[in-house]
PDB file of N, CA and C in Angstrom:
ATOM      1  N   MET A   1       0.846  -1.291  -0.131  1.00  0.00           N
ATOM      2  CA  MET A   1      -0.291   0.196   0.251  1.00  0.00           C
ATOM      3  C   MET A   1       0.978   1.150  -0.403  1.00  0.00           C
ATOM      4  N   GLU A   2       2.061   1.127   0.729  1.00  0.00           N
ATOM      5  CA  GLU A   2       2.771   2.704   0.861  1.00  0.00           C
ATOM      6  C   GLU A   2       3.371   2.764  -0.715  1.00  0.00           C
ATOM      7  N   ASP A   3       3.691   1.432  -1.456  1.00  0.00           N
ATOM      8  CA  ASP A   3       4.071   1.553  -2.744  1.00  0.00           C
ATOM      9  C   ASP A   3       3.372   2.498  -3.732  1.00  0.00           C
ATOM     10  N   LEU A   4       2.011   2.275  -3.452  1.00  0.00           N
ATOM     11  CA  LEU A   4       0.654   2.753  -4.388  1.00  0.00           C
ATOM     12  C   LEU A   4       0.721   4.683  -4.059  1.00  0.00           C
ATOM     13  N   ARG A   5       1.027   4.634  -2.309  1.00  0.00           N
ATOM     14  CA  ARG A   5       0.745   5.910  -1.613  1.00  0.00           C
ATOM     15  C   ARG A   5       1.951   7.153  -2.658  1.00  0.00           C
ATOM     16  N   ASN A   6       2.862   6.085  -2.215  1.00  0.00           N
ATOM     17  CA  ASN A   6       4.533   6.489  -3.068  1.00  0.00           C
ATOM     18  C   ASN A   6       4.236   7.027  -4.381  1.00  0.00           C
ATOM     19  N   LEU A   7       3.529   6.124  -5.110  1.00  0.00           N
ATOM     20  CA  LEU A   7       3.415   6.297  -6.712  1.00  0.00           C
ATOM     21  C   LEU A   7       2.552   7.258  -6.947  1.00  0.00           C
ATOM     22  N   LEU A   8       1.364   7.454  -6.461  1.00  0.00           N
ATOM     23  CA  LEU A   8       0.265   8.462  -6.519  1.00  0.00           C
ATOM     24  C   LEU A   8       1.000   9.809  -6.128  1.00  0.00           C
ATOM     25  N   LYS A   9       2.013   9.705  -5.230  1.00  0.00           N
ATOM     26  CA  LYS A   9       2.395  10.901  -4.652  1.00  0.00           C
ATOM     27  C   LYS A   9       3.577  11.665  -5.692  1.00  0.00           C
ATOM     28  N   LYS A  10       4.016  10.760  -6.269  1.00  0.00           N
ATOM     29  CA  LYS A  10       5.391  11.368  -7.133  1.00  0.00           C
ATOM     30  C   LYS A  10       4.376  11.750  -8.561  1.00  0.00           C
ATOM     31  N   HIS A  11       3.285  11.199  -8.871  1.00  0.00           N
ATOM     32  CA  HIS A  11       2.747  11.860 -10.030  1.00  0.00           C
ATOM     33  C   HIS A  11       1.300  12.842  -9.477  1.00  0.00           C
ATOM     34  N   GLY A  12       1.617  13.379  -8.478  1.00  0.00           N
ATOM     35  CA  GLY A  12       0.823  14.524  -8.121  1.00  0.00           C
ATOM     36  C   GLY A  12      -0.236  14.103  -7.410  1.00  0.00           C
ATOM     37  N   HIS A  13      -1.018  12.993  -6.883  1.00  0.00           N
ATOM     38  CA  HIS A  13      -2.179  12.423  -6.493  1.00  0.00           C
ATOM     39  C   HIS A  13      -1.928  12.241  -5.150  1.00  0.00           C
ATOM     40  N   ARG A  14      -2.899  12.197  -4.534  1.00  0.00           N
ATOM     41  CA  ARG A  14      -3.221  11.672  -3.196  1.00  0.00           C
ATOM     42  C   ARG A  14      -3.690  10.503  -3.204  1.00  0.00           C
ATOM     43  N   MET A  15      -3.723   9.628  -2.092  1.00  0.00           N
ATOM     44  CA  MET A  15      -4.526   8.644  -1.538  1.00  0.00           C
ATOM     45  C   MET A  15      -5.656   8.957  -1.208  1.00  0.00           C
ATOM     46  N   THR A  16      -6.794   8.118  -1.527  1.00  0.00           N
ATOM     47  CA  THR A  16      -8.064   8.496  -1.118  1.00  0.00           C
ATOM     48  C   THR A  16      -8.846   7.322  -1.063  1.00  0.00           C
ATOM     49  N   GLU A  17     -10.058   7.260  -0.516  1.00  0.00           N
ATOM     50  CA  GLU A  17     -10.513   6.226  -0.040  1.00  0.00           C
ATOM     51  C   GLU A  17     -11.047   5.243  -0.795  1.00  0.00           C
ATOM     52  N   ALA A  18     -11.484   6.183  -2.279  1.00  0.00           N
ATOM     53  CA  ALA A  18     -12.033   5.277  -3.381  1.00  0.00           C
ATOM     54  C   ALA A  18     -10.604   4.561  -4.133  1.00  0.00           C
ATOM     55  N   ARG A  19      -9.530   5.104  -4.129  1.00  0.00           N
ATOM     56  CA  ARG A  19      -8.100   4.573  -4.986  1.00  0.00           C
ATOM     57  C   ARG A  19      -7.925   3.404  -3.751  1.00  0.00           C
ATOM     58  N   LYS A  20      -8.057   3.866  -2.309  1.00  0.00           N
ATOM     59  CA  LYS A  20      -7.606   2.551  -1.471  1.00  0.00           C
ATOM     60  C   LYS A  20      -8.621   1.491  -2.054  1.00  0.00           C
ATOM     61  N   SER A  21      -9.580   1.684  -1.826  1.00  0.00           N
ATOM     62  CA  SER A  21     -10.631   0.483  -2.065  1.00  0.00           C
ATOM     63  C   SER A  21     -11.025  -0.038  -3.439  1.00  0.00           C
ATOM     64  N   VAL A  22     -10.695   0.297  -4.523  1.00  0.00           N
ATOM     65  CA  VAL A  22     -10.620  -0.213  -5.350  1.00  0.00           C
ATOM     66  C   VAL A  22      -9.391  -0.930  -5.830  1.00  0.00           C
ATOM     67  N   PHE A  23      -7.867  -0.431  -5.324  1.00  0.00           N
ATOM     68  CA  PHE A  23      -7.033  -1.221  -5.208  1.00  0.00           C
ATOM     69  C   PHE A  23      -6.804  -2.573  -4.361  1.00  0.00           C
ATOM     70  N   HIS A  24      -7.529  -2.362  -3.026  1.00  0.00           N
ATOM     71  CA  HIS A  24      -7.956  -3.683  -2.645  1.00  0.00           C
ATOM     72  C   HIS A  24      -8.487  -4.412  -3.170  1.00  0.00           C
ATOM     73  N   ALA A  25      -9.639  -4.305  -3.628  1.00  0.00           N
ATOM     74  CA  ALA A  25     -10.911  -5.014  -4.658  1.00  0.00           C
ATOM     75  C   ALA A  25      -9.969  -6.259  -5.633  1.00  0.00           C
ATOM     76  N   LEU A  26      -9.449  -4.987  -6.602  1.00  0.00           N
ATOM     77  CA  LEU A  26      -8.385  -5.846  -7.556  1.00  0.00           C
ATOM     78  C   LEU A  26      -7.569  -6.600  -6.998  1.00  0.00           C
ATOM     79  N   GLU A  27      -6.663  -6.119  -6.020  1.00  0.00           N
ATOM     80  CA  GLU A  27      -5.703  -7.355  -5.457  1.00  0.00           C
ATOM     81  C   GLU A  27      -6.320  -8.645  -4.899  1.00  0.00           C
ATOM     82  N   ALA A  28      -7.364  -8.373  -4.401  1.00  0.00           N
ATOM     83  CA  ALA A  28      -8.095  -9.392  -3.600  1.00  0.00           C
ATOM     84  C   ALA A  28      -8.532 -10.467  -4.540  1.00  0.00           C
ATOM     85  N   PHE A  29      -8.773 -10.226  -6.178  1.00  0.00           N
ATOM     86  CA  PHE A  29      -9.379 -10.896  -6.942  1.00  0.00           C
ATOM     87  C   PHE A  29      -8.580 -11.997  -7.826  1.00  0.00           C
ATOM     88  N   GLU A  30      -8.555 -13.015  -8.015  1.00  0.00           N
ATOM     89  CA  GLU A  30      -7.919 -13.934  -8.908  1.00  0.00           C
ATOM     90  C   GLU A  30      -7.813 -13.392 -10.442  1.00  0.00           C
ATOM     91  N   ARG A  31      -8.875 -12.938 -10.828  1.00  0.00           N
ATOM     92  CA  ARG A  31      -9.178 -12.497 -11.960  1.00  0.00           C
ATOM     93  C   ARG A  31      -9.550 -10.941 -12.076  1.00  0.00           C
ATOM     94  N   PRO A  32      -9.649 -10.682 -13.597  1.00  0.00           N
ATOM     95  CA  PRO A  32      -9.550  -9.175 -13.786  1.00  0.00           C
ATOM     96  C   PRO A  32     -11.160  -8.635 -13.366  1.00  0.00           C
ATOM     97  N   LEU A  33     -11.516  -7.839 -13.147  1.00  0.00           N
ATOM     98  CA  LEU A  33     -12.493  -7.001 -12.694  1.00  0.00           C
ATOM     99  C   LEU A  33     -13.022  -5.928 -13.744  1.00  0.00           C
ATOM    100  N   SER A  34     -14.206  -5.911 -13.976  1.00  0.00           N
ATOM    101  CA  SER A  34     -14.855  -4.679 -14.500  1.00  0.00           C
ATOM    102  C   SER A  34     -14.844  -3.541 -13.832  1.00  0.00           C
ATOM    103  N   ALA A  35     -15.187  -2.371 -14.444  1.00  0.00           N
ATOM    104  CA  ALA A  35     -16.080  -1.464 -13.676  1.00  0.00           C
ATOM    105  C   ALA A  35     -17.002  -1.643 -12.867  1.00  0.00           C
ATOM    106  N   VAL A  36     -18.147  -2.440 -13.904  1.00  0.00           N
ATOM    107  CA  VAL A  36     -19.282  -2.770 -13.137  1.00  0.00           C
ATOM    108  C   VAL A  36     -19.468  -3.346 -12.002  1.00  0.00           C
ATOM    109  N   GLU A  37     -18.383  -4.435 -12.148  1.00  0.00           N
ATOM    110  CA  GLU A  37     -18.279  -5.499 -10.675  1.00  0.00           C
ATOM    111  C   GLU A  37     -17.387  -4.877 -10.015  1.00  0.00           C
ATOM    112  N   LEU A  38     -16.802  -3.799 -10.137  1.00  0.00           N
ATOM    113  CA  LEU A  38     -16.106  -3.174  -8.804  1.00  0.00           C
ATOM    114  C   LEU A  38     -17.233  -2.081  -7.888  1.00  0.00           C
ATOM    115  N   HIS A  39     -17.931  -1.637  -9.150  1.00  0.00           N
ATOM    116  CA  HIS A  39     -19.085  -0.748  -8.222  1.00  0.00           C
ATOM    117  C   HIS A  39     -19.971  -1.682  -7.671  1.00  0.00           C
ATOM    118  N   THR A  40     -20.392  -2.645  -8.038  1.00  0.00           N
ATOM    119  CA  THR A  40     -20.783  -3.854  -7.156  1.00  0.00           C
ATOM    120  C   THR A  40     -20.378  -3.834  -5.827  1.00  0.00           C
ATOM    121  N   LEU A  41     -19.075  -4.038  -5.825  1.00  0.00           N
ATOM    122  CA  LEU A  41     -18.308  -4.672  -4.852  1.00  0.00           C
ATOM    123  C   LEU A  41     -18.291  -3.797  -3.994  1.00  0.00           C
ATOM    124  N   LEU A  42     -17.983  -2.434  -4.234  1.00  0.00           N
ATOM    125  CA  LEU A  42     -17.770  -0.863  -3.676  1.00  0.00           C
ATOM    126  C   LEU A  42     -19.213  -0.203  -3.779  1.00  0.00           C
ATOM    127  N   PRO A  43     -20.108  -0.564  -2.927  1.00  0.00           N
ATOM    128  CA  PRO A  43     -21.413   0.303  -3.325  1.00  0.00           C
ATOM    129  C   PRO A  43     -21.291   1.751  -2.554  1.00  0.00           C
ATOM    130  N   HIS A  44     -20.242   2.029  -1.550  1.00  0.00           N
ATOM    131  CA  HIS A  44     -19.919   3.303  -0.804  1.00  0.00           C
ATOM    132  C   HIS A  44     -18.934   4.065  -2.035  1.00  0.00           C
ATOM    133  N   ILE A  45     -18.712   3.602  -2.786  1.00  0.00           N
ATOM    134  CA  ILE A  45     -18.454   4.447  -3.767  1.00  0.00           C
ATOM    135  C   ILE A  45     -18.923   4.728  -5.066  1.00  0.00           C
ATOM    136  N   ASP A  46     -19.180   5.974  -5.530  1.00  0.00           N
ATOM    137  CA  ASP A  46     -19.941   6.380  -6.525  1.00  0.00           C
ATOM    138  C   ASP A  46     -19.437   5.732  -8.254  1.00  0.00           C
ATOM    139  N   ARG A  47     -20.300   5.522  -8.989  1.00  0.00           N
ATOM    140  CA  ARG A  47     -19.428   4.771 -10.304  1.00  0.00           C
ATOM    141  C   ARG A  47     -18.817   5.561 -10.904  1.00  0.00           C
ATOM    142  N   THR A  48     -18.912   7.049 -10.778  1.00  0.00           N
ATOM    143  CA  THR A  48     -17.788   7.921 -11.856  1.00  0.00           C
ATOM    144  C   THR A  48     -16.429   7.756 -11.082  1.00  0.00           C
ATOM    145  N   SER A  49     -16.692   7.861  -9.655  1.00  0.00           N
ATOM    146  CA  SER A  49     -15.609   7.473  -8.843  1.00  0.00           C
ATOM    147  C   SER A  49     -14.523   6.456  -9.238  1.00  0.00           C
ATOM    148  N   VAL A  50     -15.236   5.117  -9.453  1.00  0.00           N
ATOM    149  CA  VAL A  50     -14.698   3.652 -10.017  1.00  0.00           C
ATOM    150  C   VAL A  50     -14.333   4.053 -11.259  1.00  0.00           C
ATOM    151  N   TYR A  51     -14.852   5.000 -12.239  1.00  0.00           N
ATOM    152  CA  TYR A  51     -14.208   5.313 -13.263  1.00  0.00           C
ATOM    153  C   TYR A  51     -12.934   5.850 -13.680  1.00  0.00           C
ATOM    154  N   ARG A  52     -13.118   6.863 -12.357  1.00  0.00           N
ATOM    155  CA  ARG A  52     -11.909   7.718 -12.775  1.00  0.00           C
ATOM    156  C   ARG A  52     -10.635   7.061 -11.970  1.00  0.00           C
ATOM    157  N   VAL A  53     -10.766   6.441 -10.939  1.00  0.00           N
ATOM    158  CA  VAL A  53     -10.075   5.537 -10.418  1.00  0.00           C
ATOM    159  C   VAL A  53      -8.993   4.911 -11.135  1.00  0.00           C
ATOM    160  N   ILE A  54     -10.118   3.994 -12.218  1.00  0.00           N
ATOM    161  CA  ILE A  54      -9.557   2.898 -13.057  1.00  0.00           C
ATOM    162  C   ILE A  54      -8.835   3.657 -14.156  1.00  0.00           C
ATOM    163  N   HIS A  55      -8.950   4.872 -14.763  1.00  0.00           N
ATOM    164  CA  HIS A  55      -8.646   5.573 -15.770  1.00  0.00           C
ATOM    165  C   HIS A  55      -7.340   6.247 -15.139  1.00  0.00           C
ATOM    166  N   LEU A  56      -7.142   6.581 -14.108  1.00  0.00           N
ATOM    167  CA  LEU A  56      -5.712   7.060 -12.873  1.00  0.00           C
ATOM    168  C   LEU A  56      -4.982   5.896 -13.190  1.00  0.00           C
ATOM    169  N   PHE A  57      -5.294   4.654 -12.682  1.00  0.00           N
ATOM    170  CA  PHE A  57      -4.341   3.790 -12.571  1.00  0.00           C
ATOM    171  C   PHE A  57      -4.132   2.966 -13.861  1.00  0.00           C
ATOM    172  N   LEU A  58      -5.126   3.132 -14.777  1.00  0.00           N
ATOM    173  CA  LEU A  58      -4.315   2.874 -16.009  1.00  0.00           C
ATOM    174  C   LEU A  58      -3.078   3.708 -16.414  1.00  0.00           C
ATOM    175  N   ALA A  59      -3.300   5.042 -16.475  1.00  0.00           N
ATOM    176  CA  ALA A  59      -2.533   5.784 -16.716  1.00  0.00           C
ATOM    177  C   ALA A  59      -1.291   5.772 -16.424  1.00  0.00           C
ATOM    178  N   LEU A  60      -1.354   5.297 -15.111  1.00  0.00           N
ATOM    179  CA  LEU A  60       0.076   5.306 -14.210  1.00  0.00           C
ATOM    180  C   LEU A  60       0.224   3.913 -14.266  1.00  0.00           C
ATOM    181  N   HIS A  61       0.093   3.328 -15.210  1.00  0.00           N
ATOM    182  CA  HIS A  61       0.422   1.667 -15.111  1.00  0.00           C
ATOM    183  C   HIS A  61       0.235   0.946 -13.895  1.00  0.00           C
ATOM    184  N   ILE A  62      -0.754   1.281 -13.072  1.00  0.00           N
ATOM    185  CA  ILE A  62      -0.710   0.549 -11.834  1.00  0.00           C
ATOM    186  C   ILE A  62      -1.620  -1.001 -12.529  1.00  0.00           C
ATOM    187  N   ILE A  63      -2.270  -0.750 -13.198  1.00  0.00           N
ATOM    188  CA  ILE A  63      -3.081  -1.849 -13.819  1.00  0.00           C
ATOM    189  C   ILE A  63      -2.929  -2.016 -15.595  1.00  0.00           C
ATOM    190  N   THR A  64      -3.425  -3.026 -15.776  1.00  0.00           N
ATOM    191  CA  THR A  64      -3.507  -3.015 -17.259  1.00  0.00           C
ATOM    192  C   THR A  64      -5.200  -3.208 -17.861  1.00  0.00           C
ATOM    193  N   GLU A  65      -5.483  -2.866 -19.184  1.00  0.00           N
ATOM    194  CA  GLU A  65      -6.511  -3.235 -19.669  1.00  0.00           C
ATOM    195  C   GLU A  65      -6.809  -4.717 -20.058  1.00  0.00           C
ATOM    196  N   VAL A  66      -7.497  -5.284 -19.715  1.00  0.00           N
ATOM    197  CA  VAL A  66      -7.765  -6.632 -20.709  1.00  0.00           C
ATOM    198  C   VAL A  66      -9.192  -6.426 -21.346  1.00  0.00           C
ATOM    199  N   PRO A  67      -8.860  -6.974 -22.558  1.00  0.00           N
ATOM    200  CA  PRO A  67      -9.853  -6.897 -23.548  1.00  0.00           C
ATOM    201  C   PRO A  67     -11.374  -7.884 -23.168  1.00  0.00           C
ATOM    202  N   GLU A  68     -12.384  -7.382 -23.442  1.00  0.00           N
ATOM    203  CA  GLU A  68     -13.372  -8.537 -23.015  1.00  0.00           C
ATOM    204  C   GLU A  68     -13.614  -9.288 -24.194  1.00  0.00           C
ATOM    205  N   GLY A  69     -14.071 -10.804 -23.841  1.00  0.00           N
ATOM    206  CA  GLY A  69     -14.348 -11.598 -24.804  1.00  0.00           C
ATOM    207  C   GLY A  69     -13.295 -12.530 -25.003  1.00  0.00           C
TER     208      GLY A  69
END
């Protein structure tokens, strides 16, 4: 978690509850999760925030996109 915090800080971002929750959810599963699945797992985070976190994590190469199908 400290690595994530440092990476975010290096790029001018801060750790938020939404970012922490999405990171933990992605880390906990053995398979890729869609934005819809993440929002279902994390109902306390609004859908827009889930998408924003995903886009940030993609831009920072914290996660990679897996094509559907």
